[in-house]
Amino acid sequence: MSDEFFRYETNRRVKQILVSHNIDVTRINYSCVKRTIHFYGSLSKLTQEDLSLPNIEALVTELMSLPHISNLQFDLDNWFISAEPGELNITKVGGKSTEKKQKGEKDESE
């Protein structure tokens, strides 16, 4: 499979995943470069509903399960997300509350 086809196919799958999680794709940009997917902009839902830690964790898990993807890089306006092998840190930027989650740590709302 050519690198160009792989890139387009991965970008297509990323859009499918974002849409399936009800993410507003007009507010976020993404691109696949080699084995890394880069995200820029704002991560928010199409509805007025706020994203929760379990929502983001499910999204990141699904993105990481894409074939040939080993890294996700996030440069978002409203969330700090660090997805390292075996560790996931999520922090809401701005507002009154800051939320963090590490892989294996239970969410208090669960």
PDB file of N, CA and C in Angstrom:
ATOM      1  N   MET A   1       0.858  -1.176   0.000  1.00  0.00           N
ATOM      2  CA  MET A   1       0.000   0.000   0.000  1.00  0.00           C
ATOM      3  C   MET A   1       0.903   1.237   0.000  1.00  0.00           C
ATOM      4  N   SER A   2       0.601   2.190  -0.866  1.00  0.00           N
ATOM      5  CA  SER A   2       1.424   3.388  -0.948  1.00  0.00           C
ATOM      6  C   SER A   2       1.203   4.280   0.259  1.00  0.00           C
ATOM      7  N   ASP A   3       2.220   5.078   0.572  1.00  0.00           N
ATOM      8  CA  ASP A   3       2.108   6.007   1.697  1.00  0.00           C
ATOM      9  C   ASP A   3       0.970   7.003   1.485  1.00  0.00           C
ATOM     10  N   GLU A   4       0.787   7.447   0.250  1.00  0.00           N
ATOM     11  CA  GLU A   4      -0.266   8.420  -0.058  1.00  0.00           C
ATOM     12  C   GLU A   4      -1.649   7.807   0.182  1.00  0.00           C
ATOM     13  N   PHE A   5      -1.856   6.575  -0.275  1.00  0.00           N
ATOM     14  CA  PHE A   5      -3.133   5.896  -0.051  1.00  0.00           C
ATOM     15  C   PHE A   5      -3.366   5.682   1.440  1.00  0.00           C
ATOM     16  N   PHE A   6      -2.330   5.242   2.159  1.00  0.00           N
ATOM     17  CA  PHE A   6      -2.430   5.032   3.599  1.00  0.00           C
ATOM     18  C   PHE A   6      -2.843   6.320   4.295  1.00  0.00           C
ATOM     19  N   ARG A   7      -2.242   7.429   3.923  1.00  0.00           N
ATOM     20  CA  ARG A   7      -2.551   8.729   4.532  1.00  0.00           C
ATOM     21  C   ARG A   7      -4.006   9.114   4.291  1.00  0.00           C
ATOM     22  N   TYR A   8      -4.460   9.010   3.050  1.00  0.00           N
ATOM     23  CA  TYR A   8      -5.852   9.356   2.737  1.00  0.00           C
ATOM     24  C   TYR A   8      -6.828   8.423   3.438  1.00  0.00           C
ATOM     25  N   GLU A   9      -6.532   7.136   3.449  1.00  0.00           N
ATOM     26  CA  GLU A   9      -7.405   6.172   4.111  1.00  0.00           C
ATOM     27  C   GLU A   9      -7.473   6.443   5.617  1.00  0.00           C
ATOM     28  N   THR A  10      -6.343   6.750   6.231  1.00  0.00           N
ATOM     29  CA  THR A  10      -6.325   7.050   7.663  1.00  0.00           C
ATOM     30  C   THR A  10      -7.108   8.323   7.946  1.00  0.00           C
ATOM     31  N   ASN A  11      -6.923   9.361   7.146  1.00  0.00           N
ATOM     32  CA  ASN A  11      -7.687  10.601   7.338  1.00  0.00           C
ATOM     33  C   ASN A  11      -9.189  10.356   7.186  1.00  0.00           C
ATOM     34  N   ARG A  12      -9.575   9.494   6.263  1.00  0.00           N
ATOM     35  CA  ARG A  12     -10.986   9.148   6.076  1.00  0.00           C
ATOM     36  C   ARG A  12     -11.528   8.443   7.329  1.00  0.00           C
ATOM     37  N   ARG A  13     -10.768   7.499   7.857  1.00  0.00           N
ATOM     38  CA  ARG A  13     -11.178   6.771   9.065  1.00  0.00           C
ATOM     39  C   ARG A  13     -11.262   7.701  10.276  1.00  0.00           C
ATOM     40  N   VAL A  14     -10.320   8.647  10.390  1.00  0.00           N
ATOM     41  CA  VAL A  14     -10.353   9.606  11.497  1.00  0.00           C
ATOM     42  C   VAL A  14     -11.645  10.402  11.443  1.00  0.00           C
ATOM     43  N   LYS A  15     -12.021  10.866  10.264  1.00  0.00           N
ATOM     44  CA  LYS A  15     -13.264  11.633  10.141  1.00  0.00           C
ATOM     45  C   LYS A  15     -14.462  10.769  10.541  1.00  0.00           C
ATOM     46  N   GLN A  16     -14.492   9.515  10.111  1.00  0.00           N
ATOM     47  CA  GLN A  16     -15.579   8.609  10.497  1.00  0.00           C
ATOM     48  C   GLN A  16     -15.674   8.478  12.017  1.00  0.00           C
ATOM     49  N   ILE A  17     -14.525   8.327  12.671  1.00  0.00           N
ATOM     50  CA  ILE A  17     -14.501   8.172  14.125  1.00  0.00           C
ATOM     51  C   ILE A  17     -14.984   9.446  14.807  1.00  0.00           C
ATOM     52  N   LEU A  18     -14.502  10.598  14.357  1.00  0.00           N
ATOM     53  CA  LEU A  18     -14.931  11.871  14.946  1.00  0.00           C
ATOM     54  C   LEU A  18     -16.445  12.044  14.802  1.00  0.00           C
ATOM     55  N   VAL A  19     -16.970  11.764  13.618  1.00  0.00           N
ATOM     56  CA  VAL A  19     -18.411  11.898  13.377  1.00  0.00           C
ATOM     57  C   VAL A  19     -19.186  10.913  14.249  1.00  0.00           C
ATOM     58  N   SER A  20     -18.688   9.686  14.393  1.00  0.00           N
ATOM     59  CA  SER A  20     -19.394   8.687  15.207  1.00  0.00           C
ATOM     60  C   SER A  20     -19.437   9.084  16.684  1.00  0.00           C
ATOM     61  N   HIS A  21     -18.495   9.932  17.114  1.00  0.00           N
ATOM     62  CA  HIS A  21     -18.475  10.424  18.496  1.00  0.00           C
ATOM     63  C   HIS A  21     -19.151  11.795  18.614  1.00  0.00           C
ATOM     64  N   ASN A  22     -19.837  12.216  17.532  1.00  0.00           N
ATOM     65  CA  ASN A  22     -20.586  13.468  17.524  1.00  0.00           C
ATOM     66  C   ASN A  22     -19.687  14.694  17.720  1.00  0.00           C
ATOM     67  N   ILE A  23     -18.460  14.626  17.212  1.00  0.00           N
ATOM     68  CA  ILE A  23     -17.507  15.737  17.311  1.00  0.00           C
ATOM     69  C   ILE A  23     -17.763  16.724  16.173  1.00  0.00           C
ATOM     70  N   ASP A  24     -17.702  18.002  16.477  1.00  0.00           N
ATOM     71  CA  ASP A  24     -17.869  19.056  15.480  1.00  0.00           C
ATOM     72  C   ASP A  24     -16.595  19.130  14.633  1.00  0.00           C
ATOM     73  N   VAL A  25     -16.643  18.544  13.436  1.00  0.00           N
ATOM     74  CA  VAL A  25     -15.449  18.481  12.587  1.00  0.00           C
ATOM     75  C   VAL A  25     -15.136  19.816  11.917  1.00  0.00           C
ATOM     76  N   THR A  26     -16.011  20.821  12.077  1.00  0.00           N
ATOM     77  CA  THR A  26     -15.709  22.143  11.528  1.00  0.00           C
ATOM     78  C   THR A  26     -14.786  22.935  12.458  1.00  0.00           C
ATOM     79  N   ARG A  27     -14.601  22.447  13.695  1.00  0.00           N
ATOM     80  CA  ARG A  27     -13.781  23.171  14.669  1.00  0.00           C
ATOM     81  C   ARG A  27     -12.446  22.495  14.959  1.00  0.00           C
ATOM     82  N   ILE A  28     -12.186  21.355  14.296  1.00  0.00           N
ATOM     83  CA  ILE A  28     -10.941  20.645  14.538  1.00  0.00           C
ATOM     84  C   ILE A  28     -10.323  20.253  13.200  1.00  0.00           C
ATOM     85  N   ASN A  29      -9.021  20.383  13.117  1.00  0.00           N
ATOM     86  CA  ASN A  29      -8.265  19.960  11.932  1.00  0.00           C
ATOM     87  C   ASN A  29      -7.407  18.770  12.326  1.00  0.00           C
ATOM     88  N   TYR A  30      -7.170  17.898  11.382  1.00  0.00           N
ATOM     89  CA  TYR A  30      -6.356  16.711  11.661  1.00  0.00           C
ATOM     90  C   TYR A  30      -5.643  16.289  10.389  1.00  0.00           C
ATOM     91  N   SER A  31      -4.521  15.631  10.573  1.00  0.00           N
ATOM     92  CA  SER A  31      -3.761  15.119   9.445  1.00  0.00           C
ATOM     93  C   SER A  31      -2.883  13.976   9.907  1.00  0.00           C
ATOM     94  N   CYS A  32      -2.745  12.992   9.059  1.00  0.00           N
ATOM     95  CA  CYS A  32      -1.898  11.847   9.352  1.00  0.00           C
ATOM     96  C   CYS A  32      -0.559  12.040   8.650  1.00  0.00           C
ATOM     97  N   VAL A  33       0.511  11.952   9.415  1.00  0.00           N
ATOM     98  CA  VAL A  33       1.861  12.012   8.856  1.00  0.00           C
ATOM     99  C   VAL A  33       2.600  10.789   9.385  1.00  0.00           C
ATOM    100  N   LYS A  34       2.911   9.880   8.468  1.00  0.00           N
ATOM    101  CA  LYS A  34       3.538   8.599   8.812  1.00  0.00           C
ATOM    102  C   LYS A  34       2.679   7.859   9.820  1.00  0.00           C
ATOM    103  N   ARG A  35       3.140   7.611  11.031  1.00  0.00           N
ATOM    104  CA  ARG A  35       2.399   6.820  12.025  1.00  0.00           C
ATOM    105  C   ARG A  35       1.766   7.694  13.107  1.00  0.00           C
ATOM    106  N   THR A  36       1.681   9.014  12.840  1.00  0.00           N
ATOM    107  CA  THR A  36       1.161   9.966  13.821  1.00  0.00           C
ATOM    108  C   THR A  36      -0.023  10.731  13.238  1.00  0.00           C
ATOM    109  N   ILE A  37      -1.058  10.897  14.063  1.00  0.00           N
ATOM    110  CA  ILE A  37      -2.180  11.752  13.683  1.00  0.00           C
ATOM    111  C   ILE A  37      -2.073  13.026  14.518  1.00  0.00           C
ATOM    112  N   HIS A  38      -2.085  14.181  13.842  1.00  0.00           N
ATOM    113  CA  HIS A  38      -1.988  15.489  14.491  1.00  0.00           C
ATOM    114  C   HIS A  38      -3.370  16.134  14.505  1.00  0.00           C
ATOM    115  N   PHE A  39      -3.736  16.724  15.655  1.00  0.00           N
ATOM    116  CA  PHE A  39      -5.020  17.405  15.819  1.00  0.00           C
ATOM    117  C   PHE A  39      -4.774  18.844  16.255  1.00  0.00           C
ATOM    118  N   TYR A  40      -5.522  19.795  15.652  1.00  0.00           N
ATOM    119  CA  TYR A  40      -5.424  21.219  15.961  1.00  0.00           C
ATOM    120  C   TYR A  40      -6.827  21.796  16.059  1.00  0.00           C
ATOM    121  N   GLY A  41      -7.000  22.845  16.854  1.00  0.00           N
ATOM    122  CA  GLY A  41      -8.288  23.521  16.937  1.00  0.00           C
ATOM    123  C   GLY A  41      -8.986  23.256  18.253  1.00  0.00           C
ATOM    124  N   SER A  42     -10.317  23.109  18.197  1.00  0.00           N
ATOM    125  CA  SER A  42     -11.128  22.878  19.393  1.00  0.00           C
ATOM    126  C   SER A  42     -11.834  21.539  19.281  1.00  0.00           C
ATOM    127  N   LEU A  43     -11.835  20.810  20.387  1.00  0.00           N
ATOM    128  CA  LEU A  43     -12.528  19.527  20.455  1.00  0.00           C
ATOM    129  C   LEU A  43     -13.845  19.743  21.180  1.00  0.00           C
ATOM    130  N   SER A  44     -14.953  19.681  20.420  1.00  0.00           N
ATOM    131  CA  SER A  44     -16.275  19.888  21.019  1.00  0.00           C
ATOM    132  C   SER A  44     -17.308  19.077  20.258  1.00  0.00           C
ATOM    133  N   LYS A  45     -18.446  18.861  20.916  1.00  0.00           N
ATOM    134  CA  LYS A  45     -19.531  18.111  20.297  1.00  0.00           C
ATOM    135  C   LYS A  45     -20.378  19.034  19.427  1.00  0.00           C
ATOM    136  N   LEU A  46     -21.130  18.433  18.515  1.00  0.00           N
ATOM    137  CA  LEU A  46     -22.060  19.189  17.679  1.00  0.00           C
ATOM    138  C   LEU A  46     -23.187  19.785  18.496  1.00  0.00           C
ATOM    139  N   THR A  47     -23.580  19.095  19.560  1.00  0.00           N
ATOM    140  CA  THR A  47     -24.639  19.571  20.446  1.00  0.00           C
ATOM    141  C   THR A  47     -24.022  20.509  21.490  1.00  0.00           C
ATOM    142  N   GLN A  48     -24.837  21.093  22.319  1.00  0.00           N
ATOM    143  CA  GLN A  48     -24.344  21.971  23.378  1.00  0.00           C
ATOM    144  C   GLN A  48     -23.740  21.183  24.538  1.00  0.00           C
ATOM    145  N   GLU A  49     -23.910  19.876  24.500  1.00  0.00           N
ATOM    146  CA  GLU A  49     -23.389  19.004  25.559  1.00  0.00           C
ATOM    147  C   GLU A  49     -21.863  19.068  25.614  1.00  0.00           C
ATOM    148  N   ASP A  50     -21.326  19.128  26.834  1.00  0.00           N
ATOM    149  CA  ASP A  50     -19.876  19.144  27.007  1.00  0.00           C
ATOM    150  C   ASP A  50     -19.307  17.738  26.866  1.00  0.00           C
ATOM    151  N   LEU A  51     -18.086  17.672  26.392  1.00  0.00           N
ATOM    152  CA  LEU A  51     -17.380  16.397  26.362  1.00  0.00           C
ATOM    153  C   LEU A  51     -16.974  16.027  27.779  1.00  0.00           C
ATOM    154  N   SER A  52     -17.015  14.755  28.088  1.00  0.00           N
ATOM    155  CA  SER A  52     -16.591  14.283  29.401  1.00  0.00           C
ATOM    156  C   SER A  52     -15.305  13.467  29.233  1.00  0.00           C
ATOM    157  N   LEU A  53     -14.658  13.187  30.356  1.00  0.00           N
ATOM    158  CA  LEU A  53     -13.448  12.362  30.296  1.00  0.00           C
ATOM    159  C   LEU A  53     -13.703  11.006  29.646  1.00  0.00           C
ATOM    160  N   PRO A  54     -14.789  10.295  30.000  1.00  0.00           N
ATOM    161  CA  PRO A  54     -15.036   9.009  29.327  1.00  0.00           C
ATOM    162  C   PRO A  54     -15.251   9.167  27.819  1.00  0.00           C
ATOM    163  N   ASN A  55     -15.899  10.273  27.377  1.00  0.00           N
ATOM    164  CA  ASN A  55     -16.079  10.532  25.943  1.00  0.00           C
ATOM    165  C   ASN A  55     -14.730  10.641  25.246  1.00  0.00           C
ATOM    166  N   ILE A  56     -13.844  11.438  25.829  1.00  0.00           N
ATOM    167  CA  ILE A  56     -12.535  11.668  25.211  1.00  0.00           C
ATOM    168  C   ILE A  56     -11.680  10.409  25.268  1.00  0.00           C
ATOM    169  N   GLU A  57     -11.736   9.705  26.388  1.00  0.00           N
ATOM    170  CA  GLU A  57     -10.964   8.467  26.503  1.00  0.00           C
ATOM    171  C   GLU A  57     -11.405   7.453  25.443  1.00  0.00           C
ATOM    172  N   ALA A  58     -12.710   7.315  25.222  1.00  0.00           N
ATOM    173  CA  ALA A  58     -13.223   6.390  24.201  1.00  0.00           C
ATOM    174  C   ALA A  58     -12.772   6.823  22.808  1.00  0.00           C
ATOM    175  N   LEU A  59     -12.797   8.123  22.549  1.00  0.00           N
ATOM    176  CA  LEU A  59     -12.354   8.655  21.264  1.00  0.00           C
ATOM    177  C   LEU A  59     -10.876   8.349  21.023  1.00  0.00           C
ATOM    178  N   VAL A  60     -10.039   8.650  22.009  1.00  0.00           N
ATOM    179  CA  VAL A  60      -8.595   8.421  21.886  1.00  0.00           C
ATOM    180  C   VAL A  60      -8.300   6.931  21.718  1.00  0.00           C
ATOM    181  N   THR A  61      -8.992   6.083  22.473  1.00  0.00           N
ATOM    182  CA  THR A  61      -8.792   4.638  22.370  1.00  0.00           C
ATOM    183  C   THR A  61      -9.119   4.140  20.968  1.00  0.00           C
ATOM    184  N   GLU A  62     -10.219   4.625  20.411  1.00  0.00           N
ATOM    185  CA  GLU A  62     -10.597   4.210  19.062  1.00  0.00           C
ATOM    186  C   GLU A  62      -9.595   4.713  18.018  1.00  0.00           C
ATOM    187  N   LEU A  63      -9.120   5.943  18.182  1.00  0.00           N
ATOM    188  CA  LEU A  63      -8.127   6.481  17.246  1.00  0.00           C
ATOM    189  C   LEU A  63      -6.820   5.695  17.321  1.00  0.00           C
ATOM    190  N   MET A  64      -6.411   5.332  18.527  1.00  0.00           N
ATOM    191  CA  MET A  64      -5.156   4.577  18.694  1.00  0.00           C
ATOM    192  C   MET A  64      -5.261   3.157  18.136  1.00  0.00           C
ATOM    193  N   SER A  65      -6.483   2.659  17.963  1.00  0.00           N
ATOM    194  CA  SER A  65      -6.650   1.303  17.434  1.00  0.00           C
ATOM    195  C   SER A  65      -6.576   1.254  15.911  1.00  0.00           C
ATOM    196  N   LEU A  66      -6.453   2.405  15.274  1.00  0.00           N
ATOM    197  CA  LEU A  66      -6.332   2.417  13.815  1.00  0.00           C
ATOM    198  C   LEU A  66      -5.044   1.705  13.396  1.00  0.00           C
ATOM    199  N   PRO A  67      -5.099   0.958  12.294  1.00  0.00           N
ATOM    200  CA  PRO A  67      -3.899   0.239  11.832  1.00  0.00           C
ATOM    201  C   PRO A  67      -2.745   1.200  11.533  1.00  0.00           C
ATOM    202  N   HIS A  68      -1.568   0.811  11.922  1.00  0.00           N
ATOM    203  CA  HIS A  68      -0.316   1.527  11.634  1.00  0.00           C
ATOM    204  C   HIS A  68      -0.171   2.850  12.369  1.00  0.00           C
ATOM    205  N   ILE A  69      -1.058   3.171  13.298  1.00  0.00           N
ATOM    206  CA  ILE A  69      -0.952   4.422  14.062  1.00  0.00           C
ATOM    207  C   ILE A  69      -0.327   4.113  15.415  1.00  0.00           C
ATOM    208  N   SER A  70       0.734   4.842  15.737  1.00  0.00           N
ATOM    209  CA  SER A  70       1.407   4.606  17.018  1.00  0.00           C
ATOM    210  C   SER A  70       1.433   5.846  17.898  1.00  0.00           C
ATOM    211  N   ASN A  71       0.998   7.003  17.376  1.00  0.00           N
ATOM    212  CA  ASN A  71       1.088   8.230  18.152  1.00  0.00           C
ATOM    213  C   ASN A  71      -0.027   9.194  17.760  1.00  0.00           C
ATOM    214  N   LEU A  72      -0.551   9.892  18.770  1.00  0.00           N
ATOM    215  CA  LEU A  72      -1.511  10.972  18.552  1.00  0.00           C
ATOM    216  C   LEU A  72      -0.922  12.239  19.159  1.00  0.00           C
ATOM    217  N   GLN A  73      -0.943  13.332  18.425  1.00  0.00           N
ATOM    218  CA  GLN A  73      -0.456  14.623  18.914  1.00  0.00           C
ATOM    219  C   GLN A  73      -1.616  15.605  18.915  1.00  0.00           C
ATOM    220  N   PHE A  74      -1.846  16.251  20.052  1.00  0.00           N
ATOM    221  CA  PHE A  74      -2.950  17.193  20.188  1.00  0.00           C
ATOM    222  C   PHE A  74      -2.423  18.585  20.490  1.00  0.00           C
ATOM    223  N   ASP A  75      -2.882  19.569  19.728  1.00  0.00           N
ATOM    224  CA  ASP A  75      -2.612  20.979  19.990  1.00  0.00           C
ATOM    225  C   ASP A  75      -3.967  21.683  19.945  1.00  0.00           C
ATOM    226  N   LEU A  76      -4.733  21.506  21.034  1.00  0.00           N
ATOM    227  CA  LEU A  76      -6.121  21.971  21.077  1.00  0.00           C
ATOM    228  C   LEU A  76      -6.258  23.223  21.925  1.00  0.00           C
ATOM    229  N   ASP A  77      -7.265  24.037  21.596  1.00  0.00           N
ATOM    230  CA  ASP A  77      -7.538  25.267  22.337  1.00  0.00           C
ATOM    231  C   ASP A  77      -8.208  25.001  23.681  1.00  0.00           C
ATOM    232  N   ASN A  78      -9.002  23.930  23.764  1.00  0.00           N
ATOM    233  CA  ASN A  78      -9.837  23.727  24.944  1.00  0.00           C
ATOM    234  C   ASN A  78      -9.515  22.470  25.759  1.00  0.00           C
ATOM    235  N   TRP A  79      -8.618  21.630  25.301  1.00  0.00           N
ATOM    236  CA  TRP A  79      -8.213  20.429  26.046  1.00  0.00           C
ATOM    237  C   TRP A  79      -6.721  20.220  25.884  1.00  0.00           C
ATOM    238  N   PHE A  80      -6.088  19.752  26.951  1.00  0.00           N
ATOM    239  CA  PHE A  80      -4.719  19.256  26.863  1.00  0.00           C
ATOM    240  C   PHE A  80      -4.835  17.739  26.931  1.00  0.00           C
ATOM    241  N   ILE A  81      -4.395  17.056  25.875  1.00  0.00           N
ATOM    242  CA  ILE A  81      -4.456  15.602  25.832  1.00  0.00           C
ATOM    243  C   ILE A  81      -3.069  15.087  25.483  1.00  0.00           C
ATOM    244  N   SER A  82      -2.572  14.225  26.342  1.00  0.00           N
ATOM    245  CA  SER A  82      -1.289  13.571  26.117  1.00  0.00           C
ATOM    246  C   SER A  82      -1.536  12.068  26.099  1.00  0.00           C
ATOM    247  N   ALA A  83      -1.373  11.466  24.935  1.00  0.00           N
ATOM    248  CA  ALA A  83      -1.613  10.026  24.769  1.00  0.00           C
ATOM    249  C   ALA A  83      -0.278   9.339  24.530  1.00  0.00           C
ATOM    250  N   GLU A  84       0.285   8.808  25.593  1.00  0.00           N
ATOM    251  CA  GLU A  84       1.541   8.060  25.521  1.00  0.00           C
ATOM    252  C   GLU A  84       1.221   6.584  25.711  1.00  0.00           C
ATOM    253  N   PRO A  85       2.085   5.693  25.250  1.00  0.00           N
ATOM    254  CA  PRO A  85       1.831   4.263  25.473  1.00  0.00           C
ATOM    255  C   PRO A  85       1.653   3.972  26.965  1.00  0.00           C
ATOM    256  N   GLY A  86       0.476   3.436  27.310  1.00  0.00           N
ATOM    257  CA  GLY A  86       0.190   3.080  28.693  1.00  0.00           C
ATOM    258  C   GLY A  86      -0.263   4.229  29.575  1.00  0.00           C
ATOM    259  N   GLU A  87      -0.337   5.441  29.040  1.00  0.00           N
ATOM    260  CA  GLU A  87      -0.729   6.589  29.852  1.00  0.00           C
ATOM    261  C   GLU A  87      -1.529   7.575  29.012  1.00  0.00           C
ATOM    262  N   LEU A  88      -2.630   8.026  29.600  1.00  0.00           N
ATOM    263  CA  LEU A  88      -3.480   9.013  28.946  1.00  0.00           C
ATOM    264  C   LEU A  88      -3.774  10.114  29.947  1.00  0.00           C
ATOM    265  N   ASN A  89      -3.354  11.339  29.634  1.00  0.00           N
ATOM    266  CA  ASN A  89      -3.623  12.499  30.485  1.00  0.00           C
ATOM    267  C   ASN A  89      -4.558  13.434  29.732  1.00  0.00           C
ATOM    268  N   ILE A  90      -5.643  13.819  30.392  1.00  0.00           N
ATOM    269  CA  ILE A  90      -6.633  14.712  29.800  1.00  0.00           C
ATOM    270  C   ILE A  90      -6.902  15.843  30.783  1.00  0.00           C
ATOM    271  N   THR A  91      -6.733  17.085  30.335  1.00  0.00           N
ATOM    272  CA  THR A  91      -6.976  18.247  31.177  1.00  0.00           C
ATOM    273  C   THR A  91      -7.828  19.240  30.405  1.00  0.00           C
ATOM    274  N   LYS A  92      -8.921  19.674  31.009  1.00  0.00           N
ATOM    275  CA  LYS A  92      -9.761  20.705  30.394  1.00  0.00           C
ATOM    276  C   LYS A  92      -9.081  22.055  30.597  1.00  0.00           C
ATOM    277  N   VAL A  93      -8.952  22.816  29.520  1.00  0.00           N
ATOM    278  CA  VAL A  93      -8.297  24.119  29.554  1.00  0.00           C
ATOM    279  C   VAL A  93      -9.361  25.191  29.733  1.00  0.00           C
ATOM    280  N   GLY A  94      -9.098  26.143  30.643  1.00  0.00           N
ATOM    281  CA  GLY A  94     -10.050  27.221  30.883  1.00  0.00           C
ATOM    282  C   GLY A  94     -11.178  26.777  31.785  1.00  0.00           C
ATOM    283  N   GLY A  95     -12.076  27.678  32.079  1.00  0.00           N
ATOM    284  CA  GLY A  95     -13.194  27.343  32.948  1.00  0.00           C
ATOM    285  C   GLY A  95     -12.742  27.191  34.387  1.00  0.00           C
ATOM    286  N   LYS A  96     -13.649  26.705  35.227  1.00  0.00           N
ATOM    287  CA  LYS A  96     -13.362  26.606  36.651  1.00  0.00           C
ATOM    288  C   LYS A  96     -12.765  25.276  37.053  1.00  0.00           C
ATOM    289  N   SER A  97     -13.023  24.233  36.255  1.00  0.00           N
ATOM    290  CA  SER A  97     -12.557  22.915  36.686  1.00  0.00           C
ATOM    291  C   SER A  97     -11.464  22.392  35.775  1.00  0.00           C
ATOM    292  N   THR A  98     -10.579  21.642  36.362  1.00  0.00           N
ATOM    293  CA  THR A  98      -9.523  20.958  35.637  1.00  0.00           C
ATOM    294  C   THR A  98      -9.697  19.472  35.893  1.00  0.00           C
ATOM    295  N   GLU A  99      -9.736  18.695  34.833  1.00  0.00           N
ATOM    296  CA  GLU A  99      -9.918  17.256  34.973  1.00  0.00           C
ATOM    297  C   GLU A  99      -8.698  16.559  34.395  1.00  0.00           C
ATOM    298  N   LYS A 100      -8.265  15.516  35.080  1.00  0.00           N
ATOM    299  CA  LYS A 100      -7.141  14.730  34.583  1.00  0.00           C
ATOM    300  C   LYS A 100      -7.491  13.258  34.698  1.00  0.00           C
ATOM    301  N   LYS A 101      -6.998  12.481  33.787  1.00  0.00           N
ATOM    302  CA  LYS A 101      -7.211  11.045  33.859  1.00  0.00           C
ATOM    303  C   LYS A 101      -5.974  10.347  33.338  1.00  0.00           C
ATOM    304  N   GLN A 102      -5.535   9.359  34.067  1.00  0.00           N
ATOM    305  CA  GLN A 102      -4.448   8.517  33.607  1.00  0.00           C
ATOM    306  C   GLN A 102      -5.012   7.138  33.355  1.00  0.00           C
ATOM    307  N   LYS A 103      -4.469   6.471  32.365  1.00  0.00           N
ATOM    308  CA  LYS A 103      -4.950   5.137  32.035  1.00  0.00           C
ATOM    309  C   LYS A 103      -4.887   4.258  33.273  1.00  0.00           C
ATOM    310  N   GLY A 104      -5.972   3.527  33.513  1.00  0.00           N
ATOM    311  CA  GLY A 104      -6.032   2.666  34.670  1.00  0.00           C
ATOM    312  C   GLY A 104      -6.650   3.338  35.881  1.00  0.00           C
ATOM    313  N   GLU A 105      -6.797   4.651  35.852  1.00  0.00           N
ATOM    314  CA  GLU A 105      -7.392   5.405  36.958  1.00  0.00           C
ATOM    315  C   GLU A 105      -8.899   5.449  36.738  1.00  0.00           C
ATOM    316  N   LYS A 106      -9.675   5.163  37.761  1.00  0.00           N
ATOM    317  CA  LYS A 106     -11.125   5.158  37.664  1.00  0.00           C
ATOM    318  C   LYS A 106     -11.655   6.585  37.638  1.00  0.00           C
ATOM    319  N   ASP A 107     -12.624   6.820  36.783  1.00  0.00           N
ATOM    320  CA  ASP A 107     -13.306   8.109  36.739  1.00  0.00           C
ATOM    321  C   ASP A 107     -14.328   8.120  37.886  1.00  0.00           C
ATOM    322  N   GLU A 108     -14.376   9.174  38.661  1.00  0.00           N
ATOM    323  CA  GLU A 108     -15.257   9.251  39.813  1.00  0.00           C
ATOM    324  C   GLU A 108     -16.726   9.210  39.427  1.00  0.00           C
ATOM    325  N   SER A 109     -17.065   9.566  38.183  1.00  0.00           N
ATOM    326  CA  SER A 109     -18.452   9.570  37.754  1.00  0.00           C
ATOM    327  C   SER A 109     -18.921   8.198  37.280  1.00  0.00           C
ATOM    328  N   GLU A 110     -18.010   7.240  37.165  1.00  0.00           N
ATOM    329  CA  GLU A 110     -18.378   5.901  36.688  1.00  0.00           C
ATOM    330  C   GLU A 110     -19.011   5.101  37.786  1.00  0.00           C
TER     331      GLU A 110
END
